[in-house]
Protein backbone atom coordinates (compact mmCIF):
# COMPACT_ATOMS: atom_id res chain seq x y z
CA MET A 1 0.30 -7.75 -24.34
CA SER A 2 0.55 -5.68 -21.20
CA TYR A 3 -1.12 -2.35 -20.67
CA ILE A 4 0.69 -1.62 -17.42
CA ASN A 5 3.41 0.40 -19.14
CA HIS A 6 0.74 2.64 -20.70
CA ALA A 7 -1.04 3.36 -17.44
CA LYS A 8 -0.30 6.50 -15.54
CA ILE A 9 0.91 5.78 -12.02
CA ALA A 10 -1.19 7.80 -9.61
CA LEU A 11 1.31 8.71 -6.93
CA SER A 12 4.52 9.45 -8.76
CA GLY A 13 6.03 12.54 -10.24
CA ALA A 14 6.87 16.02 -9.10
CA ASP A 15 3.24 17.17 -8.90
CA THR A 16 2.26 14.95 -5.97
CA PRO A 17 2.08 16.44 -2.47
CA GLU A 18 4.99 15.71 -0.17
CA ARG A 19 3.77 13.60 2.74
CA GLY A 20 7.10 12.06 3.72
CA PRO A 21 7.51 13.71 7.14
CA LEU A 22 3.91 12.96 8.13
CA LEU A 23 4.18 9.32 7.10
CA LEU A 24 7.45 8.87 9.01
CA TRP A 25 5.83 10.37 12.10
CA MET A 26 2.86 8.04 11.71
CA VAL A 27 5.10 4.97 11.40
CA PHE A 28 7.11 5.91 14.50
CA THR A 29 3.99 6.70 16.52
CA GLY A 30 2.33 3.48 15.40
CA LEU A 31 5.32 1.49 16.63
CA CYS A 32 5.26 3.36 19.94
CA ILE A 33 1.55 2.65 20.39
CA PHE A 34 2.17 -1.02 19.64
CA ALA A 35 5.00 -1.06 22.22
CA VAL A 36 2.73 0.55 24.84
CA PHE A 37 0.06 -2.05 24.08
CA LEU A 38 2.56 -4.87 24.62
CA LEU A 39 3.82 -3.30 27.85
CA TRP A 40 0.24 -2.95 29.10
CA ARG A 41 -0.65 -6.49 28.03
CA TYR A 42 2.21 -7.98 30.04
CA GLY A 43 1.53 -5.74 33.06
CA LEU A 44 4.75 -3.76 32.89
CA ILE A 45 3.05 -0.36 32.86
CA SER A 46 1.18 -1.03 36.09
CA LEU A 47 4.39 -2.39 37.62
CA MET A 48 6.18 0.81 36.61
CA VAL A 49 3.49 3.05 38.14
CA ARG A 50 3.29 1.02 41.37
CA SER A 51 7.04 0.87 41.94
CA ASP A 52 7.81 4.50 41.10
CA ARG A 53 7.36 6.55 44.27
CA THR A 54 8.30 9.88 42.67
CA TYR A 55 5.94 9.41 39.69
CA ILE A 56 8.65 10.70 37.40
CA SER A 57 8.07 7.90 34.90
CA SER A 58 4.40 8.91 34.66
CA PHE A 59 5.48 12.53 34.18
CA ILE A 60 7.86 11.48 31.41
CA ALA A 61 5.10 9.49 29.70
CA ILE A 62 2.72 12.47 29.81
CA LEU A 63 5.49 14.76 28.57
CA TYR A 64 6.13 12.33 25.69
CA ILE A 65 2.44 12.40 24.70
CA ILE A 66 2.37 16.20 24.73
CA THR A 67 5.60 16.47 22.74
CA SER A 68 4.42 13.89 20.24
CA SER A 69 1.17 15.79 19.73
CA HIS A 70 3.14 18.98 19.13
CA CYS A 71 5.30 17.15 16.58
CA LEU A 72 2.14 15.98 14.81
CA LEU A 73 0.83 19.54 14.52
CA ARG A 74 4.16 20.87 13.22
CA THR A 75 4.53 17.98 10.76
CA MET A 76 1.04 18.58 9.40
CA ALA A 77 1.91 22.27 8.94
CA ILE A 78 5.06 21.31 7.03
CA ALA A 79 3.04 18.93 4.85
CA ARG A 80 0.56 21.73 4.09
CA GLU A 81 3.42 24.02 3.10
CA GLY A 82 4.73 21.28 0.84
CA GLU A 83 1.36 21.07 -0.90
CA ILE A 84 1.54 24.77 -1.77
CA THR A 85 4.79 24.19 -3.67
CA THR A 86 3.13 21.71 -6.05
CA PRO A 87 1.66 22.84 -9.40
CA GLN A 88 -1.82 22.50 -7.90
CA GLY A 89 -0.77 25.03 -5.29
CA ALA A 90 0.35 27.47 -8.00
CA SER A 91 -3.19 28.79 -8.38
CA PHE A 92 -3.33 29.34 -4.62
CA ARG A 93 0.00 31.18 -4.69
CA LEU A 94 -1.21 33.34 -7.58
CA ALA A 95 -4.44 34.20 -5.75
CA LEU A 96 -2.43 35.07 -2.65
CA LYS A 97 -0.10 37.36 -4.64
CA VAL A 98 -3.08 39.08 -6.27
CA ALA A 99 -4.74 39.61 -2.89
CA VAL A 100 -1.56 41.11 -1.45
CA ALA A 101 -1.09 43.35 -4.50
CA VAL A 102 -4.69 44.56 -4.37
CA GLY A 103 -4.38 45.26 -0.67
CA ALA A 104 -1.15 47.21 -1.22
CA ALA A 105 -2.63 49.14 -4.13
CA ARG A 106 -5.64 50.18 -2.07
CA ARG A 107 -3.37 51.84 0.47
CA PHE A 108 -1.91 54.16 -2.15
CA VAL A 109 -5.22 55.27 -3.68
CA VAL A 110 -6.20 58.66 -2.34
CA GLY A 111 -9.55 58.74 -0.60
CA VAL A 112 -9.84 54.99 0.05
CA GLU A 113 -9.66 54.07 3.69
CA ASP A 114 -9.20 50.60 5.16
CA GLN A 115 -12.44 49.10 6.27
C-alpha cells in the first residue's frame, strides 16, 4: 500500500510563491557563466581582449554584466510582488490597507497634526 497519494506535495497549488521569472533568469545566467568559463579555459577571452584594439568587446561584456545585474534586481522585485498576491500575503495586504486608512483618517480629525 502506498502512502504517496495521501501526502501533501509541498510546492504545488495556488498558495505557493511565484518564482518562475527568477528561476528562468538564474538558468540563463548559469549557462552564460558556464560559457564564459569555457571561453576562458580555452583562452578565447584573452585572445579577444588582445586582438580588439578598440576595446569595444570589453565594453560590451561590462555592459552585459551591468544589464544582467539590473535584470536580477527587477526580477527579484517582481517575485516579491508575486508573493504578496498569495494567501500568505493577504495579511500583509490587510495590514497595509489598515495603515493607509488610519493615516487618511488622522488627516481629517480636527486638532491632530502630522508628526
